[in-house]
Amino acid sequence: MTEKTSRPHKAGAFDIRLIIALLLGVYGVILTIMGAGFTSDDDLKKAADVNINLWSGIGLLVVTALFVLWAVLRPLVVPPSTELAEESPSE
């Protein structure tokens, strides 16, 4: 009788950390572009001379890099699937 098992594999693109990193990265890029190129002096005066969009965008990009680094260094391993390893005894 042969037992069919498959070896464990990585979650890859379906890892939730990469999906979160993608979303945070998109928002980070948008905020960084808005902060770097489209912030007026009136906007800066409203925010106590702090470019909030720029700093928030940079912060989101740093968090994105940390999520990607985490997913690369500690990949999620999907356990192997077995059809029916042992039949349970019926009583």
Protein backbone atom coordinates (compact mmCIF):
# COMPACT_ATOMS: atom_id res chain seq x y z
CA MET A 1 0.00 0.00 0.00
CA THR A 2 1.50 3.32 -0.98
CA GLU A 3 0.90 6.50 0.92
CA LYS A 4 0.61 9.59 -1.21
CA THR A 5 2.20 12.62 0.42
CA SER A 6 3.41 15.86 -1.01
CA ARG A 7 6.26 17.91 0.30
CA PRO A 8 5.60 21.24 2.01
CA HIS A 9 5.71 24.35 -0.14
CA LYS A 10 5.75 28.11 0.41
CA ALA A 11 2.60 30.20 0.27
CA GLY A 12 4.23 32.61 -2.20
CA ALA A 13 1.93 35.24 -3.66
CA PHE A 14 -0.95 34.15 -1.45
CA ASP A 15 0.88 35.18 1.73
CA ILE A 16 -1.25 37.82 3.47
CA ARG A 17 1.88 39.78 4.40
CA LEU A 18 2.63 40.42 0.73
CA ILE A 19 -0.94 41.52 0.04
CA ILE A 20 -0.79 43.97 2.96
CA ALA A 21 2.62 45.18 1.77
CA LEU A 22 1.21 45.79 -1.71
CA LEU A 23 -1.67 47.87 -0.38
CA LEU A 24 0.52 49.88 1.99
CA GLY A 25 3.09 50.37 -0.77
CA VAL A 26 0.52 51.77 -3.19
CA TYR A 27 -0.74 54.23 -0.57
CA GLY A 28 2.83 55.07 0.39
CA VAL A 29 3.84 55.88 -3.18
CA ILE A 30 0.73 58.03 -3.71
CA LEU A 31 1.27 59.97 -0.47
CA THR A 32 4.98 60.44 -1.17
CA ILE A 33 4.28 61.82 -4.64
CA MET A 34 1.52 64.08 -3.31
CA GLY A 35 3.76 65.31 -0.50
CA ALA A 36 6.81 65.88 -2.67
CA GLY A 37 5.17 67.53 -5.64
CA PHE A 38 1.69 68.77 -4.90
CA THR A 39 1.80 70.35 -1.43
CA SER A 40 1.11 74.08 -1.32
CA ASP A 41 2.30 76.60 1.24
CA ASP A 42 -1.25 76.85 2.59
CA ASP A 43 -1.25 73.10 3.23
CA LEU A 44 2.04 73.38 5.10
CA LYS A 45 0.74 76.26 7.23
CA LYS A 46 -2.32 74.20 8.18
CA ALA A 47 -0.06 71.38 9.33
CA ALA A 48 2.37 73.49 11.40
CA ASP A 49 4.97 73.51 8.60
CA VAL A 50 5.17 69.71 8.49
CA ASN A 51 4.66 67.96 5.17
CA ILE A 52 2.32 65.29 6.52
CA ASN A 53 1.74 63.55 3.19
CA LEU A 54 5.45 63.20 2.54
CA TRP A 55 6.30 61.84 6.00
CA SER A 56 3.29 59.51 6.06
CA GLY A 57 4.23 58.20 2.61
CA ILE A 58 7.82 57.58 3.63
CA GLY A 59 6.62 55.83 6.79
CA LEU A 60 4.29 53.59 4.78
CA LEU A 61 7.10 52.71 2.37
CA VAL A 62 9.35 51.75 5.31
CA VAL A 63 6.59 49.54 6.76
CA THR A 64 6.10 48.02 3.30
CA ALA A 65 9.79 47.17 3.09
CA LEU A 66 9.63 45.56 6.55
CA PHE A 67 6.62 43.42 5.56
CA VAL A 68 8.37 42.24 2.39
CA LEU A 69 11.57 41.52 4.31
CA TRP A 70 9.58 39.56 6.89
CA ALA A 71 7.86 37.51 4.17
CA VAL A 72 11.18 36.78 2.43
CA LEU A 73 13.16 35.87 5.54
CA ARG A 74 10.41 33.81 7.20
CA PRO A 75 8.25 32.36 4.43
CA LEU A 76 4.96 30.75 5.32
CA VAL A 77 5.20 27.00 4.77
CA VAL A 78 2.01 25.22 3.81
CA PRO A 79 1.86 21.78 5.42
CA PRO A 80 1.77 18.78 3.09
CA SER A 81 -1.63 17.40 2.28
CA THR A 82 -2.34 13.73 2.75
CA GLU A 83 -5.47 12.12 1.47
CA LEU A 84 -6.06 9.69 4.28
CA ALA A 85 -3.01 8.86 6.35
CA GLU A 86 -4.71 6.47 8.69
CA GLU A 87 -8.20 5.16 8.81
CA SER A 88 -9.80 5.62 12.18
CA PRO A 89 -11.06 2.40 13.70
CA SER A 90 -14.82 2.14 13.63
CA GLU A 91 -16.38 0.91 16.79
